[in-house]
N, C-alpha and C. Protein backbone atom coordinates (compact mmCIF):
# COMPACT_ATOMS: atom_id res chain seq x y z
N MET A 1 -12.72 -0.54 15.38
CA MET A 1 -11.49 0.00 16.79
C MET A 1 -11.10 1.03 16.21
N LYS A 2 -11.65 2.42 15.29
CA LYS A 2 -11.84 2.82 14.64
C LYS A 2 -13.08 4.61 15.08
N ARG A 3 -13.80 3.47 15.84
CA ARG A 3 -15.01 3.79 16.41
C ARG A 3 -14.21 3.97 17.93
N ARG A 4 -13.56 3.44 18.34
CA ARG A 4 -13.39 3.52 20.25
C ARG A 4 -11.53 4.34 20.05
N MET A 5 -11.34 4.84 19.43
CA MET A 5 -9.92 5.46 19.07
C MET A 5 -9.42 6.87 17.85
N PRO A 6 -11.14 6.32 17.46
CA PRO A 6 -11.22 7.55 16.26
C PRO A 6 -10.32 8.73 15.95
N GLY A 7 -9.05 9.30 17.33
CA GLY A 7 -8.45 9.95 16.56
C GLY A 7 -6.70 9.33 16.13
N HIS A 8 -7.07 8.15 15.77
CA HIS A 8 -5.68 7.55 15.41
C HIS A 8 -6.30 7.08 13.33
N ARG A 9 -5.05 5.95 12.66
CA ARG A 9 -5.21 6.30 11.64
C ARG A 9 -4.97 5.46 11.75
N VAL A 10 -6.68 4.09 10.75
CA VAL A 10 -6.80 3.35 10.83
C VAL A 10 -7.08 3.05 10.24
N LEU A 11 -6.20 1.84 8.83
CA LEU A 11 -6.02 1.07 7.40
C LEU A 11 -6.54 -0.48 7.83
N LEU A 12 -6.49 -0.70 6.82
CA LEU A 12 -7.52 -2.54 6.84
C LEU A 12 -5.72 -3.36 5.86
N VAL A 13 -6.15 -4.42 6.97
CA VAL A 13 -4.51 -5.10 6.50
C VAL A 13 -4.56 -5.71 5.68
N ALA A 14 -4.71 -6.79 4.54
CA ALA A 14 -5.03 -8.07 4.25
C ALA A 14 -4.28 -7.78 2.41
N HIS A 15 -4.51 -8.91 2.28
CA HIS A 15 -3.17 -9.77 1.15
C HIS A 15 -4.76 -10.37 0.23
N VAL A 16 -4.48 -10.06 -0.74
CA VAL A 16 -5.26 -9.88 -1.86
C VAL A 16 -4.26 -10.75 -3.47
N ALA A 17 -5.05 -10.95 -4.00
CA ALA A 17 -4.36 -11.92 -4.90
C ALA A 17 -4.79 -10.95 -7.04
N SER A 18 -6.06 -10.47 -6.60
CA SER A 18 -6.00 -9.63 -7.40
C SER A 18 -6.40 -8.28 -7.44
N GLU A 19 -6.39 -7.11 -8.46
CA GLU A 19 -7.05 -5.91 -8.21
C GLU A 19 -7.74 -5.53 -8.04
N ALA A 20 -8.41 -6.79 -9.03
CA ALA A 20 -10.25 -6.51 -8.03
C ALA A 20 -11.07 -7.66 -6.42
N GLU A 21 -10.27 -7.95 -6.47
CA GLU A 21 -10.59 -7.86 -4.41
C GLU A 21 -9.41 -6.95 -4.78
N ALA A 22 -8.30 -6.14 -4.97
CA ALA A 22 -8.21 -4.88 -3.76
C ALA A 22 -9.47 -3.74 -4.12
N LEU A 23 -9.08 -4.30 -4.65
CA LEU A 23 -10.97 -2.80 -4.73
C LEU A 23 -12.24 -3.00 -4.17
N GLU A 24 -12.43 -4.45 -3.38
CA GLU A 24 -13.13 -4.76 -2.76
C GLU A 24 -13.00 -4.86 -1.50
N ILE A 25 -12.12 -4.81 -1.31
CA ILE A 25 -10.69 -4.06 0.73
C ILE A 25 -10.99 -3.09 0.32
N ALA A 26 -10.71 -2.08 -0.37
CA ALA A 26 -11.36 -0.88 -0.74
C ALA A 26 -12.40 0.11 0.67
N SER A 27 -13.41 -0.61 -0.50
CA SER A 27 -14.63 -0.61 -0.44
C SER A 27 -15.34 -1.03 -0.05
N LEU A 28 -15.06 -2.05 1.02
CA LEU A 28 -15.07 -2.45 2.22
C LEU A 28 -14.21 -1.02 4.24
N ALA A 29 -13.26 -0.45 3.66
CA ALA A 29 -12.20 0.25 4.04
C ALA A 29 -13.33 1.02 4.25
N ALA A 30 -13.51 2.04 2.89
CA ALA A 30 -14.39 3.08 2.94
C ALA A 30 -15.11 2.95 3.60
N SER A 31 -16.61 2.04 3.25
CA SER A 31 -18.41 1.71 3.85
C SER A 31 -17.47 1.19 5.51
N ALA A 32 -17.03 1.21 6.32
CA ALA A 32 -16.18 1.47 7.41
C ALA A 32 -16.38 2.10 7.87
N GLY A 33 -15.65 3.67 7.64
CA GLY A 33 -15.28 4.90 7.95
C GLY A 33 -13.46 5.02 8.08
N LEU A 34 -12.79 3.30 7.85
CA LEU A 34 -11.56 3.24 8.02
C LEU A 34 -10.58 4.19 6.39
N ASP A 35 -9.58 4.87 7.91
CA ASP A 35 -8.71 5.55 6.87
C ASP A 35 -7.70 5.22 5.94
N GLY A 36 -7.66 4.45 5.47
CA GLY A 36 -7.24 2.83 4.00
C GLY A 36 -6.58 1.65 4.60
N ILE A 37 -6.24 1.48 3.83
CA ILE A 37 -5.86 -0.31 3.17
C ILE A 37 -4.41 -0.38 3.17
N ASP A 38 -3.81 -1.44 3.56
CA ASP A 38 -2.52 -1.40 3.78
C ASP A 38 -2.07 -3.47 2.56
N LEU A 39 -2.05 -3.45 1.71
CA LEU A 39 -2.09 -3.98 0.99
C LEU A 39 -0.71 -4.90 0.66
N ASN A 40 -0.30 -5.79 0.16
CA ASN A 40 1.35 -6.45 -0.23
C ASN A 40 1.49 -5.69 -1.44
N ALA A 41 2.40 -5.61 -1.92
CA ALA A 41 2.94 -4.34 -2.38
C ALA A 41 3.10 -5.86 -3.91
N ASP A 42 2.36 -5.07 -4.78
CA ASP A 42 2.47 -5.89 -6.23
C ASP A 42 1.94 -4.88 -7.27
N ALA A 43 2.99 -4.93 -8.36
CA ALA A 43 2.76 -3.60 -8.88
C ALA A 43 0.91 -4.03 -9.94
N ALA A 44 0.58 -5.37 -10.28
CA ALA A 44 -0.68 -6.27 -11.07
C ALA A 44 -1.75 -5.78 -10.19
N ILE A 45 -1.47 -5.36 -8.72
CA ILE A 45 -2.62 -5.49 -7.76
C ILE A 45 -3.03 -4.14 -6.92
N VAL A 46 -1.50 -3.24 -6.42
CA VAL A 46 -1.30 -2.26 -6.34
C VAL A 46 -1.39 -0.62 -7.62
N THR A 47 -2.82 -0.77 -8.35
CA THR A 47 -2.04 -0.19 -9.71
C THR A 47 -2.91 2.07 -9.34
N SER A 48 -2.44 2.24 -10.29
CA SER A 48 -2.73 4.10 -10.53
C SER A 48 -4.30 4.35 -9.72
N GLY A 49 -4.93 3.51 -10.67
CA GLY A 49 -6.59 3.48 -11.05
C GLY A 49 -6.68 3.21 -8.92
N LEU A 50 -6.37 2.40 -8.30
CA LEU A 50 -6.55 1.80 -7.11
C LEU A 50 -6.09 3.08 -5.95
N VAL A 51 -4.77 3.15 -6.37
CA VAL A 51 -4.43 4.56 -5.24
C VAL A 51 -5.73 5.64 -5.66
N ALA A 52 -5.71 5.80 -7.24
CA ALA A 52 -5.85 7.09 -7.11
C ALA A 52 -7.63 7.59 -6.14
N TRP A 53 -8.93 6.00 -6.97
CA TRP A 53 -9.92 6.18 -6.03
C TRP A 53 -10.04 5.96 -4.94
N LEU A 54 -9.14 5.28 -3.99
CA LEU A 54 -8.52 6.09 -2.43
C LEU A 54 -8.35 7.74 -1.60
N HIS A 55 -7.61 7.75 -3.02
CA HIS A 55 -7.30 9.33 -2.66
C HIS A 55 -8.02 10.32 -3.40
N ALA A 56 -9.44 9.93 -4.12
CA ALA A 56 -10.20 11.05 -4.44
C ALA A 56 -11.43 10.78 -3.12
N ARG A 57 -11.53 9.83 -1.83
CA ARG A 57 -11.73 9.97 -1.10
C ARG A 57 -11.25 9.78 0.56
N ASP A 58 -10.50 10.09 0.13
CA ASP A 58 -9.17 10.93 1.12
C ASP A 58 -8.63 9.66 2.12
N MET A 59 -8.39 8.55 1.18
CA MET A 59 -7.95 7.73 2.30
C MET A 59 -6.20 6.65 0.82
N LEU A 60 -6.30 6.67 2.53
CA LEU A 60 -4.68 6.32 2.18
C LEU A 60 -4.01 4.62 1.57
N VAL A 61 -2.63 4.70 1.26
CA VAL A 61 -3.14 3.13 0.39
C VAL A 61 -1.22 3.59 1.14
N ALA A 62 -1.17 2.13 2.01
CA ALA A 62 0.15 1.76 2.51
C ALA A 62 0.60 -0.54 1.63
N VAL A 63 0.85 -0.11 1.37
CA VAL A 63 1.35 -1.63 1.07
C VAL A 63 2.90 -2.09 2.43
N TRP A 64 2.50 -3.41 1.95
CA TRP A 64 3.95 -4.58 2.77
C TRP A 64 5.03 -5.56 1.56
N VAL A 65 6.02 -5.88 2.12
CA VAL A 65 6.55 -7.10 1.61
C VAL A 65 6.50 -7.91 2.86
N TRP A 66 6.60 -8.60 1.99
CA TRP A 66 7.72 -10.64 2.73
C TRP A 66 8.28 -10.41 3.52
N ARG A 67 8.43 -11.70 4.55
CA ARG A 67 10.11 -11.45 5.12
C ARG A 67 11.07 -11.88 3.71
N ALA A 68 12.75 -10.85 5.23
CA ALA A 68 13.45 -11.41 3.95
C ALA A 68 13.61 -12.60 3.58
N PRO A 69 14.25 -12.86 2.75
CA PRO A 69 14.46 -12.32 1.63
C PRO A 69 13.56 -11.56 1.03
N ALA A 70 12.96 -10.26 0.97
CA ALA A 70 11.31 -11.15 -0.39
C ALA A 70 11.57 -10.36 -1.66
N SER A 71 11.09 -11.05 -1.84
CA SER A 71 10.54 -11.20 -3.61
C SER A 71 10.33 -10.09 -3.66
N ASN A 72 8.94 -9.21 -3.28
CA ASN A 72 8.79 -7.69 -3.58
C ASN A 72 9.29 -6.53 -3.07
N ASP A 73 10.75 -6.42 -2.42
CA ASP A 73 11.37 -5.93 -1.85
C ASP A 73 12.85 -5.59 -3.21
N VAL A 74 12.09 -5.36 -3.61
CA VAL A 74 13.31 -5.15 -4.81
C VAL A 74 13.00 -3.81 -5.22
N PRO A 75 14.11 -3.69 -6.58
CA PRO A 75 13.68 -1.85 -6.83
C PRO A 75 12.45 -1.38 -7.69
N SER A 76 12.03 -2.97 -8.90
CA SER A 76 10.92 -3.01 -9.80
C SER A 76 9.61 -2.26 -8.71
N VAL A 77 9.43 -3.02 -7.78
CA VAL A 77 8.06 -2.73 -7.17
C VAL A 77 8.88 -1.51 -6.15
N TRP A 78 9.77 -1.68 -5.51
CA TRP A 78 9.11 0.39 -5.31
C TRP A 78 9.41 1.45 -5.55
N SER A 79 9.65 1.43 -7.18
CA SER A 79 9.38 2.04 -8.08
C SER A 79 8.09 2.02 -9.13
N ALA A 80 7.58 1.19 -8.73
CA ALA A 80 6.05 0.97 -10.02
C ALA A 80 5.30 1.35 -8.91
N MET A 81 5.62 0.62 -6.55
CA MET A 81 4.90 2.42 -5.63
C MET A 81 5.14 3.27 -5.33
N GLU A 82 5.94 3.58 -6.50
CA GLU A 82 6.11 4.87 -6.42
C GLU A 82 5.36 6.12 -7.43
N ALA A 83 5.78 5.00 -8.35
CA ALA A 83 4.61 5.22 -9.32
C ALA A 83 3.17 5.61 -8.96
N ALA A 84 2.82 4.54 -8.44
CA ALA A 84 1.34 4.63 -8.73
C ALA A 84 1.10 5.01 -7.41
N GLY A 85 1.76 5.68 -6.84
CA GLY A 85 1.11 7.01 -5.71
C GLY A 85 0.75 5.92 -4.38
N VAL A 86 1.30 5.13 -3.80
CA VAL A 86 1.35 4.64 -2.95
C VAL A 86 1.82 5.96 -1.79
N ASP A 87 1.12 5.94 -0.23
CA ASP A 87 1.09 7.00 1.30
C ASP A 87 2.58 6.67 1.87
N ALA A 88 2.86 5.22 1.62
CA ALA A 88 3.59 4.45 2.58
C ALA A 88 4.14 2.63 2.49
N PHE A 89 5.61 2.15 2.53
CA PHE A 89 5.90 1.53 2.21
C PHE A 89 6.61 0.49 3.18
N THR A 90 5.95 -0.55 3.13
CA THR A 90 6.99 -1.22 5.39
C THR A 90 7.48 -2.07 4.36
N SER A 91 9.43 -2.15 4.72
CA SER A 91 10.30 -2.27 4.30
C SER A 91 11.34 -3.05 4.61
N ASN A 92 11.65 -4.51 4.46
CA ASN A 92 12.37 -5.11 5.28
C ASN A 92 13.12 -4.01 5.33
N VAL A 93 13.61 -3.03 4.48
CA VAL A 93 15.10 -2.36 3.92
C VAL A 93 15.93 -3.08 4.10
N PRO A 94 16.22 -3.60 2.93
CA PRO A 94 17.51 -4.01 2.25
C PRO A 94 18.57 -2.77 1.62
N PRO A 95 19.73 -3.07 2.12
CA PRO A 95 20.75 -2.44 2.01
C PRO A 95 21.06 -1.52 0.37
N GLU A 96 19.72 -2.43 -0.80
CA GLU A 96 19.95 -1.87 -1.37
C GLU A 96 18.19 -0.33 -2.51
N LEU A 97 17.48 -0.18 -1.34
CA LEU A 97 16.40 0.59 -0.94
C LEU A 97 17.36 1.43 -0.50
N LEU A 98 18.81 1.77 -0.16
CA LEU A 98 18.97 3.15 0.25
C LEU A 98 20.02 3.52 -0.67
N LEU A 99 20.32 2.88 -1.67
CA LEU A 99 20.77 3.44 -3.47
C LEU A 99 19.60 3.66 -3.61
N TRP A 100 18.64 2.67 -3.75
CA TRP A 100 17.51 3.11 -5.45
C TRP A 100 17.51 4.88 -4.58
N ARG A 101 16.93 5.01 -3.13
CA ARG A 101 16.30 5.95 -3.31
C ARG A 101 17.07 7.58 -3.65
N GLN A 102 18.19 6.98 -2.88
CA GLN A 102 19.50 8.31 -3.82
C GLN A 102 19.37 7.94 -5.10
N VAL A 103 19.16 6.88 -5.70
CA VAL A 103 19.22 7.94 -7.44
C VAL A 103 17.52 8.43 -7.84
N THR A 104 16.74 8.20 -7.20
CA THR A 104 15.60 7.90 -7.97
C THR A 104 14.80 9.68 -6.85
N GLU A 105 16.20 10.11 -5.98
CA GLU A 105 15.66 11.51 -5.33
C GLU A 105 16.18 12.37 -6.90
């Protein structure tokens, strides 16, 4: 995809179970010349170390949540992903997210 449309950002989307598996996906994306990864939002998996590794290679880190009501679309996960430095967070946008955003800004 990236070779066909080099002007578009391409992220490798994956569901992983560990930080080690996330790093494998990140390495695969880097070796394929992709722009980053998009993983399931989980503070035990998407860590500041993983984000730093990707950012050091000028790659993006995005995360996604389960279908609503999602157990990973909650303030503790939003805060952890923000602290880790992720670039994008795909959410179901529960009403609590807007309140959380107001409080954290």
